[in-house]
Structure formats: C-alpha cells, structure tokens
C-alpha cells in the first residue's frame, strides 16, 4: 500500500515502522503530522531531537493526521515496548539516557520534539479535540516513536522537562508502560540555575507560569504564585516545588510497578548500581559487560550534551561548591521559605515511596 505524502509516495510499512522516517511534529490545528527523513545514527547521537535537530534531516514530509491514525489502527504488528524518563531540569537526564544507549537492550530518544509540541497544545487548551480524540492522537504518536531500531531493542524516550504534563496521557496510552522520574534536591536545582547564562535565566518566569497551569497548585497555594513579586531564586524554587507537585498530582495512586523515582545524587554516587536496578526495572538484566559499557569514561566523564568536552562528577562538585560560597545565604533563604510547604505537600515522602 502506497501513502501519498505532500512530497512523494511511501509504503505504509515503511512509514509506520522504518526508523529512517521519524515522527517529528504536528501542525497547530492537529490536522497533519510531519516526518523527518533521518539516519538512525543521527537520532542516536543527538543530545536533543528537537528543532535544533531538524537541519540534520535529509528531508521532511507531512501526512494527514486522520490517515496516519487509521493506518496505525489497521495493523496488528507488535512494537517494542517503550520506556520513559521524565524529569525536572538540570538532573543529568541526558547523561542517564546516554548511559542506557551504550548497550543493545536500549535505544535512547532524547526529547523528541513531537512531545514538546503536544505538551504545549495541551497546556494552551486550544485544541477542540474530545478527550477520546486527543488520547488517540497521543497514543498514535507514542507508537510511532517506538520503532524497531537497529542499534537498540527497546526505545527509552527521555521526555523534555517542559512536557511533564503528558505523564497521564502516556500512562493511558497502552498498558504496562515503565516511567522513571529523575529529580534533585532543591539546593542542587538552585545551584544549577545560578550556573546558567542570563539567556536561560530569563526563561524561568515563563516556565514557572506554564508549570502552574498543569495542576491545581495555583488554586490551593496562591500566595506562592505571585511571580512578579518573587526574585529569581524564589521563582526557581517554585519551579522545583511545582514540578514535584505536578508529578505527584498526575501519578498518585498508580502504584510502583509502573513508576519509579531516582534521586540525582544517588545516580551520581553509584552509577553502576543505579543502572543495574534501572535496567531491571526496564525489563533487562544487565550483565557485567553491559554495566561496564554504560559507565565507560567516554560517557560518564564527558559533557552529555557536548561530548568533546571533558566533564565528570568531580568537576560538577567543584562548580557547585563555588556557587555555594558565593550565593549560600540566598540559597538558604529560599530553602527556609519553601521547607514548610514541601513538608505540607509531602513531596519528598511521595518520591521516596517510589524509589528505584
């Protein structure tokens, strides 16, 4: 069966299953889906498969959304089961995805743009789709990310932190999805924000406003949400709290068979042990050889996003100590301000209950 795209014809099996046709974007009106023509190696190596990745594609084309959903619903082919990594920002999630990608059991897709697009559309509430139609669209997109990649058996989809509002949709999409949520403590998050360039720091108020749309936090705790009255570090602190709150809001009561949490410091302190447990959670018993590949210095001692630059845990620790020396009082003030709220919401207790 040949499918007519806006550019050329492609067979239905190739469109649905071939890794070189990567589902990338959806139009704002949700009427068409954009694919990139890519090399699998580029997908594997890219630190992000977002708009920065698009120029690396060999071509692109669109297919009507309704036709694509219909094609996906027509076949009975088994797809590999995807695993998901959710996280708030600055928690070494790219490093974790790279580690898993070193063995044949996994193929890491790092921050696919389609999930960011769906997240923005959901948050903006501009879609006129019914709940059933929306879920069908999300499920189709997730399935089309789960292809039979040549270099890894099961896709590990690391979702951008901006798309954490899709947790519920992903859990509804099939059955038995495995989700890991990676997080840091508040101090580490504040330090990471202070290390970022001014351009990144200027985005924080907008991000906070977006995350506040994803649950009932703003209604229950309005006194913490007057962003125009907060300083930079307070806004960052609210982002951290709201991210953890939204995760709890979306997943509470679902149990630990599908969802686990991982504290960043635990990962960095014992990479081998953590990766062994995570592999088992993702249905793979990692061998000694597997673990050696995942923690090879070429992975763990280089910058996860710029792999030609050497960067490891000792460098990260030294940077953090410098920031603490300079901004320790300001960081302590935010910790003191938010600690009663964190305790009241039971955020850390909840995360500990789901610990990997």
Protein backbone atom coordinates (compact mmCIF):
# COMPACT_ATOMS: atom_id res chain seq x y z
CA UNK A 1 0.00 0.00 0.00
CA UNK A 2 1.41 3.38 -1.04
CA UNK A 3 0.78 6.51 1.02
CA UNK A 4 0.82 9.85 -0.75
CA UNK A 5 2.61 12.42 1.40
CA UNK A 6 2.80 16.08 0.48
CA UNK A 7 6.14 15.35 -1.24
CA UNK A 8 6.25 11.76 -2.50
CA UNK A 9 4.85 8.28 -2.06
CA UNK A 10 5.98 5.92 0.70
CA UNK A 11 4.80 2.44 1.60
CA UNK A 12 2.63 2.10 4.69
CA UNK A 13 5.00 -0.39 6.43
CA UNK A 14 7.98 1.94 5.89
CA UNK A 15 6.07 4.95 7.22
CA UNK A 16 4.88 3.08 10.30
CA UNK A 17 7.96 1.02 11.15
CA UNK A 18 11.15 2.19 9.43
CA UNK A 19 13.47 4.18 11.74
CA UNK A 20 14.52 6.50 8.91
CA UNK A 21 11.04 8.07 8.96
CA UNK A 22 11.00 9.89 12.28
CA UNK A 23 7.73 11.38 13.53
CA UNK A 24 8.71 14.93 14.40
CA UNK A 25 5.88 17.45 14.66
CA UNK A 26 2.15 18.08 14.48
CA UNK A 27 0.54 21.14 12.95
CA UNK A 28 -1.08 23.64 15.37
CA UNK A 29 -4.53 22.59 14.16
CA UNK A 30 -3.54 18.90 14.64
CA UNK A 31 -4.55 18.11 11.06
CA UNK A 32 -1.16 16.96 9.74
CA UNK A 33 1.89 15.13 11.08
CA UNK A 34 5.42 15.98 10.00
CA UNK A 35 8.09 13.32 9.49
CA UNK A 36 11.82 13.79 9.07
CA UNK A 37 13.92 11.56 6.84
CA UNK A 38 16.93 10.78 9.04
CA UNK A 39 19.83 8.46 9.59
CA UNK A 40 19.41 6.32 12.69
CA UNK A 41 22.92 7.16 13.82
CA UNK A 42 21.99 10.85 13.94
CA UNK A 43 18.97 10.08 16.10
CA UNK A 44 21.17 8.10 18.44
CA UNK A 45 23.91 10.71 18.80
CA UNK A 46 21.77 13.84 19.04
CA UNK A 47 21.59 15.35 22.56
CA UNK A 48 18.12 16.63 21.64
CA UNK A 49 15.71 15.61 18.87
CA UNK A 50 14.03 18.99 18.86
CA UNK A 51 14.06 21.94 16.45
CA UNK A 52 17.87 22.04 16.71
CA UNK A 53 17.92 18.57 15.20
CA UNK A 54 15.74 19.38 12.19
CA UNK A 55 18.56 20.80 9.99
CA UNK A 56 20.33 17.41 10.23
CA UNK A 57 17.46 15.69 8.43
CA UNK A 58 17.81 14.63 4.80
CA UNK A 59 14.26 15.71 4.07
CA UNK A 60 10.77 16.02 5.50
CA UNK A 61 7.14 15.45 4.54
CA UNK A 62 3.67 15.58 6.05
CA UNK A 63 0.82 13.10 6.26
CA UNK A 64 -2.81 13.86 7.22
CA UNK A 65 -3.31 13.02 10.90
CA UNK A 66 -6.55 11.11 10.36
CA UNK A 67 -4.92 8.93 7.72
CA UNK A 68 -1.96 8.19 9.97
CA UNK A 69 -4.18 7.23 12.93
CA UNK A 70 -6.23 5.00 10.64
CA UNK A 71 -3.11 3.24 9.33
CA UNK A 72 -1.80 2.64 12.84
CA UNK A 73 -5.13 1.21 13.95
CA UNK A 74 -5.33 -1.16 10.98
CA UNK A 75 -2.25 -3.30 11.63
CA UNK A 76 -1.58 -5.90 14.32
CA UNK A 77 2.22 -5.77 14.29
CA UNK A 78 3.96 -5.89 17.66
CA UNK A 79 6.00 -2.80 18.51
CA UNK A 80 8.87 -2.79 21.01
CA UNK A 81 7.75 -1.66 24.46
CA UNK A 82 8.94 1.90 25.16
CA UNK A 83 10.33 3.08 28.50
CA UNK A 84 10.12 6.70 29.60
CA UNK A 85 12.35 9.05 31.58
CA UNK A 86 10.61 12.13 32.98
CA UNK A 87 12.48 14.75 35.00
CA UNK A 88 12.66 18.35 36.01
CA UNK A 89 15.56 20.37 34.63
CA UNK A 90 19.26 20.02 35.47
CA UNK A 91 19.30 16.45 36.82
CA UNK A 92 21.74 14.68 34.44
CA UNK A 93 18.89 13.13 32.48
CA UNK A 94 20.83 13.32 29.20
CA UNK A 95 23.74 11.51 30.85
CA UNK A 96 21.39 8.80 32.10
CA UNK A 97 19.88 8.35 28.64
CA UNK A 98 23.36 8.17 27.09
CA UNK A 99 24.42 5.50 29.58
CA UNK A 100 21.46 3.29 28.69
CA UNK A 101 22.10 3.83 25.00
CA UNK A 102 25.51 2.14 25.19
CA UNK A 103 24.05 -1.37 25.13
CA UNK A 104 21.89 -3.19 22.63
CA UNK A 105 18.97 -3.50 25.04
CA UNK A 106 18.06 0.17 24.70
CA UNK A 107 17.84 2.95 22.12
CA UNK A 108 17.58 6.42 23.64
CA UNK A 109 15.43 9.08 22.01
CA UNK A 110 16.28 12.29 23.79
CA UNK A 111 13.50 14.88 23.99
CA UNK A 112 11.53 14.22 20.77
CA UNK A 113 10.03 17.47 19.53
CA UNK A 114 6.61 15.92 18.93
CA UNK A 115 6.15 15.51 22.70
CA UNK A 116 7.06 19.13 23.34
CA UNK A 117 4.54 20.18 20.70
CA UNK A 118 1.76 18.02 22.18
CA UNK A 119 2.60 19.34 25.63
CA UNK A 120 2.29 22.97 24.52
CA UNK A 121 -1.02 22.30 22.78
CA UNK A 122 -2.42 20.54 25.84
CA UNK A 123 -1.30 23.34 28.15
CA UNK A 124 -2.71 26.07 25.89
CA UNK A 125 -6.10 24.33 25.77
CA UNK A 126 -6.55 25.46 22.14
CA UNK A 127 -7.43 22.04 20.75
CA UNK A 128 -11.08 21.30 20.02
CA UNK A 129 -10.44 17.55 20.17
CA UNK A 130 -12.54 15.45 22.52
CA UNK A 131 -10.72 13.59 25.28
CA UNK A 132 -11.01 10.38 23.24
CA UNK A 133 -9.64 12.02 20.07
CA UNK A 134 -6.79 13.62 21.99
CA UNK A 135 -5.82 10.34 23.61
CA UNK A 136 -5.95 8.59 20.24
CA UNK A 137 -3.58 11.21 18.79
CA UNK A 138 -1.12 10.94 21.69
CA UNK A 139 -1.18 7.14 21.59
CA UNK A 140 -0.52 7.10 17.84
CA UNK A 141 2.43 9.47 18.22
CA UNK A 142 3.93 7.39 21.02
CA UNK A 143 3.59 4.21 19.00
CA UNK A 144 5.28 5.79 16.01
CA UNK A 145 8.26 6.72 18.17
CA UNK A 146 8.51 3.05 19.19
CA UNK A 147 10.07 1.56 16.10
CA UNK A 148 12.42 -1.36 15.63
CA UNK A 149 15.71 0.49 15.77
CA UNK A 150 18.71 -1.42 14.50
CA UNK A 151 21.01 -0.47 17.39
CA UNK A 152 18.69 -0.99 20.34
CA UNK A 153 15.79 -3.30 21.15
CA UNK A 154 13.61 -1.07 23.31
CA UNK A 155 13.20 2.70 22.94
CA UNK A 156 13.96 4.76 26.03
CA UNK A 157 12.17 8.05 25.47
CA UNK A 158 13.58 10.88 27.55
CA UNK A 159 10.84 13.49 27.61
CA UNK A 160 11.75 17.16 27.85
CA UNK A 161 11.03 18.63 31.29
CA UNK A 162 8.63 21.09 29.67
CA UNK A 163 6.40 18.15 28.68
CA UNK A 164 5.89 16.65 32.13
CA UNK A 165 2.16 17.35 31.73
CA UNK A 166 1.99 14.34 29.39
CA UNK A 167 2.60 11.76 32.15
CA UNK A 168 -1.09 10.94 32.47
CA UNK A 169 -1.57 10.67 28.71
CA UNK A 170 1.38 8.30 28.39
CA UNK A 171 0.13 6.10 31.22
CA UNK A 172 -3.24 5.89 29.43
CA UNK A 173 -1.72 5.15 26.03
CA UNK A 174 -1.12 1.42 26.33
CA UNK A 175 -0.63 -0.92 29.27
CA UNK A 176 2.35 -1.53 31.46
CA UNK A 177 4.48 1.48 30.49
CA UNK A 178 7.50 1.93 32.70
CA UNK A 179 8.21 5.50 33.79
CA UNK A 180 11.21 6.79 35.72
CA UNK A 181 11.10 10.25 37.30
CA UNK A 182 14.53 11.78 37.90
CA UNK A 183 14.85 14.64 40.40
CA UNK A 184 17.32 16.58 42.55
CA UNK A 185 17.08 18.32 45.89
CA UNK A 186 16.12 21.98 45.99
CA UNK A 187 19.63 23.21 46.72
CA UNK A 188 21.12 21.41 43.72
CA UNK A 189 18.37 22.82 41.49
CA UNK A 190 19.02 26.37 42.65
CA UNK A 191 22.76 25.95 42.14
CA UNK A 192 22.21 24.68 38.60
CA UNK A 193 20.05 27.68 37.76
CA UNK A 194 22.72 30.04 39.07
CA UNK A 195 25.27 28.38 36.77
CA UNK A 196 23.18 29.06 33.68
CA UNK A 197 23.71 32.01 31.31
CA UNK A 198 21.47 35.05 31.53
CA UNK A 199 19.52 33.96 28.45
CA UNK A 200 18.46 30.75 30.20
CA UNK A 201 17.72 32.53 33.48
CA UNK A 202 15.35 34.94 31.72
CA UNK A 203 13.17 31.98 30.69
CA UNK A 204 12.41 30.92 34.25
CA UNK A 205 9.37 33.14 34.95
CA UNK A 206 7.71 31.94 31.75
CA UNK A 207 8.44 28.32 32.60
CA UNK A 208 7.03 28.78 36.08
CA UNK A 209 3.82 30.28 34.66
CA UNK A 210 3.45 27.30 32.31
CA UNK A 211 4.00 24.69 35.02
CA UNK A 212 1.41 26.40 37.22
CA UNK A 213 -1.19 25.63 34.54
CA UNK A 214 -0.69 21.88 34.82
CA UNK A 215 -2.45 21.16 38.14
CA UNK A 216 -4.46 22.75 40.94
CA UNK A 217 -1.39 24.13 42.75
CA UNK A 218 -2.16 27.76 41.94
CA UNK A 219 -5.66 27.42 43.40
CA UNK A 220 -4.51 25.72 46.59
CA UNK A 221 -1.41 27.84 47.23
CA UNK A 222 -1.97 31.22 45.54
CA UNK A 223 0.35 33.11 47.92
CA UNK A 224 3.35 31.31 46.39
CA UNK A 225 2.32 32.05 42.82
CA UNK A 226 2.65 35.84 42.56
CA UNK A 227 5.64 35.55 40.25
CA UNK A 228 6.01 39.29 39.69
CA UNK A 229 6.68 39.68 43.42
CA UNK A 230 9.36 36.97 43.62
CA UNK A 231 13.08 37.22 42.97
CA UNK A 232 14.94 34.95 40.56
CA UNK A 233 15.87 32.25 43.06
CA UNK A 234 12.37 32.21 44.55
CA UNK A 235 10.91 31.66 41.08
CA UNK A 236 13.37 28.79 40.54
CA UNK A 237 12.33 27.34 43.90
CA UNK A 238 8.67 27.47 42.90
CA UNK A 239 9.51 25.73 39.62
CA UNK A 240 11.12 22.88 41.59
CA UNK A 241 8.19 22.58 44.00
CA UNK A 242 5.55 22.73 41.28
CA UNK A 243 7.33 20.14 39.14
CA UNK A 244 7.35 17.67 42.03
CA UNK A 245 3.79 18.58 42.97
CA UNK A 246 2.56 18.09 39.40
CA UNK A 247 4.27 14.69 39.21
CA UNK A 248 2.54 13.61 42.42
CA UNK A 249 -0.75 15.10 41.20
CA UNK A 250 -0.55 13.08 37.96
CA UNK A 251 0.63 9.74 39.34
CA UNK A 252 -0.65 9.36 42.88
CA UNK A 253 -2.44 6.05 43.37
CA UNK A 254 -0.98 4.35 40.32
CA UNK A 255 1.47 2.17 42.27
CA UNK A 256 5.15 1.38 41.95
CA UNK A 257 5.00 -1.35 39.30
CA UNK A 258 4.89 1.22 36.51
CA UNK A 259 6.57 4.21 38.15
CA UNK A 260 9.88 4.63 39.94
CA UNK A 261 11.81 7.68 41.08
CA UNK A 262 15.54 8.32 41.08
CA UNK A 263 17.39 10.94 43.11
CA UNK A 264 20.15 12.52 41.04
CA UNK A 265 22.75 12.31 43.82
CA UNK A 266 22.09 8.57 44.20
CA UNK A 267 22.69 8.11 40.48
CA UNK A 268 25.95 10.07 40.51
CA UNK A 269 27.20 8.37 43.70
CA UNK A 270 26.64 4.84 42.37
CA UNK A 271 26.18 4.79 38.62
CA UNK A 272 26.80 1.07 38.24
CA UNK A 273 24.36 0.05 40.95
CA UNK A 274 21.74 2.51 39.76
CA UNK A 275 21.98 1.40 36.14
CA UNK A 276 21.72 -2.23 37.19
CA UNK A 277 18.48 -1.54 39.08
CA UNK A 278 17.11 0.71 36.33
CA UNK A 279 17.85 -1.88 33.64
CA UNK A 280 15.93 -4.47 35.67
CA UNK A 281 13.00 -2.05 36.06
CA UNK A 282 13.12 -1.59 32.28
CA UNK A 283 12.91 -5.40 31.87
CA UNK A 284 16.57 -6.12 31.11
CA UNK A 285 19.04 -7.94 33.35
CA UNK A 286 22.27 -6.04 32.73
CA UNK A 287 25.41 -8.18 32.57
CA UNK A 288 28.80 -7.14 33.92
CA UNK A 289 29.81 -6.29 30.37
CA UNK A 290 26.65 -4.20 29.90
CA UNK A 291 27.38 -2.18 33.02
CA UNK A 292 31.00 -1.61 32.00
CA UNK A 293 29.84 -0.17 28.68
CA UNK A 294 27.23 2.06 30.33
CA UNK A 295 29.71 3.64 32.77
CA UNK A 296 32.65 3.86 30.39
CA UNK A 297 34.60 7.12 30.95
CA UNK A 298 33.87 8.17 27.36
CA UNK A 299 30.26 8.50 28.55
CA UNK A 300 30.48 9.45 32.22
CA UNK A 301 33.49 11.77 32.04
CA UNK A 302 32.32 13.93 29.13
CA UNK A 303 29.66 16.61 28.87
CA UNK A 304 26.44 14.78 27.99
CA UNK A 305 25.37 17.50 25.56
CA UNK A 306 28.83 18.35 24.18
CA UNK A 307 30.66 15.06 24.12
CA UNK A 308 34.01 16.52 23.02
CA UNK A 309 34.28 18.37 26.36
CA UNK A 310 35.56 16.52 29.44
CA UNK A 311 33.18 16.82 32.38
CA UNK A 312 32.60 14.49 35.32
CA UNK A 313 31.19 14.37 38.84
CA UNK A 314 34.27 15.98 40.37
CA UNK A 315 34.00 18.95 38.02
CA UNK A 316 30.30 19.25 38.81
CA UNK A 317 31.03 19.13 42.55
CA UNK A 318 33.70 21.84 42.30
CA UNK A 319 31.33 24.12 40.35
CA UNK A 320 28.61 23.63 42.96
CA UNK A 321 30.95 24.46 45.82
CA UNK A 322 31.93 27.72 44.12
CA UNK A 323 28.29 28.71 43.66
CA UNK A 324 27.53 27.89 47.32
CA UNK A 325 30.38 30.07 48.51
CA UNK A 326 29.03 32.99 46.53
CA UNK A 327 25.25 32.56 46.93
CA UNK A 328 24.95 30.39 50.06
CA UNK A 329 22.85 32.90 52.02
CA UNK A 330 20.39 33.45 49.18
CA UNK A 331 20.02 29.68 48.63
CA UNK A 332 19.46 29.09 52.37
CA UNK A 333 16.77 31.78 52.40
CA UNK A 334 14.81 30.05 49.62
CA UNK A 335 15.20 26.69 51.36
CA UNK A 336 13.87 28.16 54.59
CA UNK A 337 10.96 29.84 52.77
CA UNK A 338 9.83 26.69 50.97
CA UNK A 339 10.61 23.95 53.51
CA UNK A 340 7.24 24.20 55.35
CA UNK A 341 5.37 23.98 52.05
CA UNK A 342 7.43 21.00 50.88
CA UNK A 343 6.65 19.20 54.15
CA UNK A 344 2.96 20.12 53.98
CA UNK A 345 2.67 18.71 50.45
CA UNK A 346 4.54 15.52 51.35
CA UNK A 347 6.60 15.75 48.16
CA UNK A 348 9.79 14.06 49.31
CA UNK A 349 7.88 11.35 51.17
CA UNK A 350 5.98 10.55 47.99
CA UNK A 351 9.13 10.38 45.89
CA UNK A 352 10.80 8.13 48.46
CA UNK A 353 7.85 5.73 48.36
CA UNK A 354 8.54 5.16 44.66
CA UNK A 355 12.32 4.98 44.94
CA UNK A 356 14.08 2.74 42.42
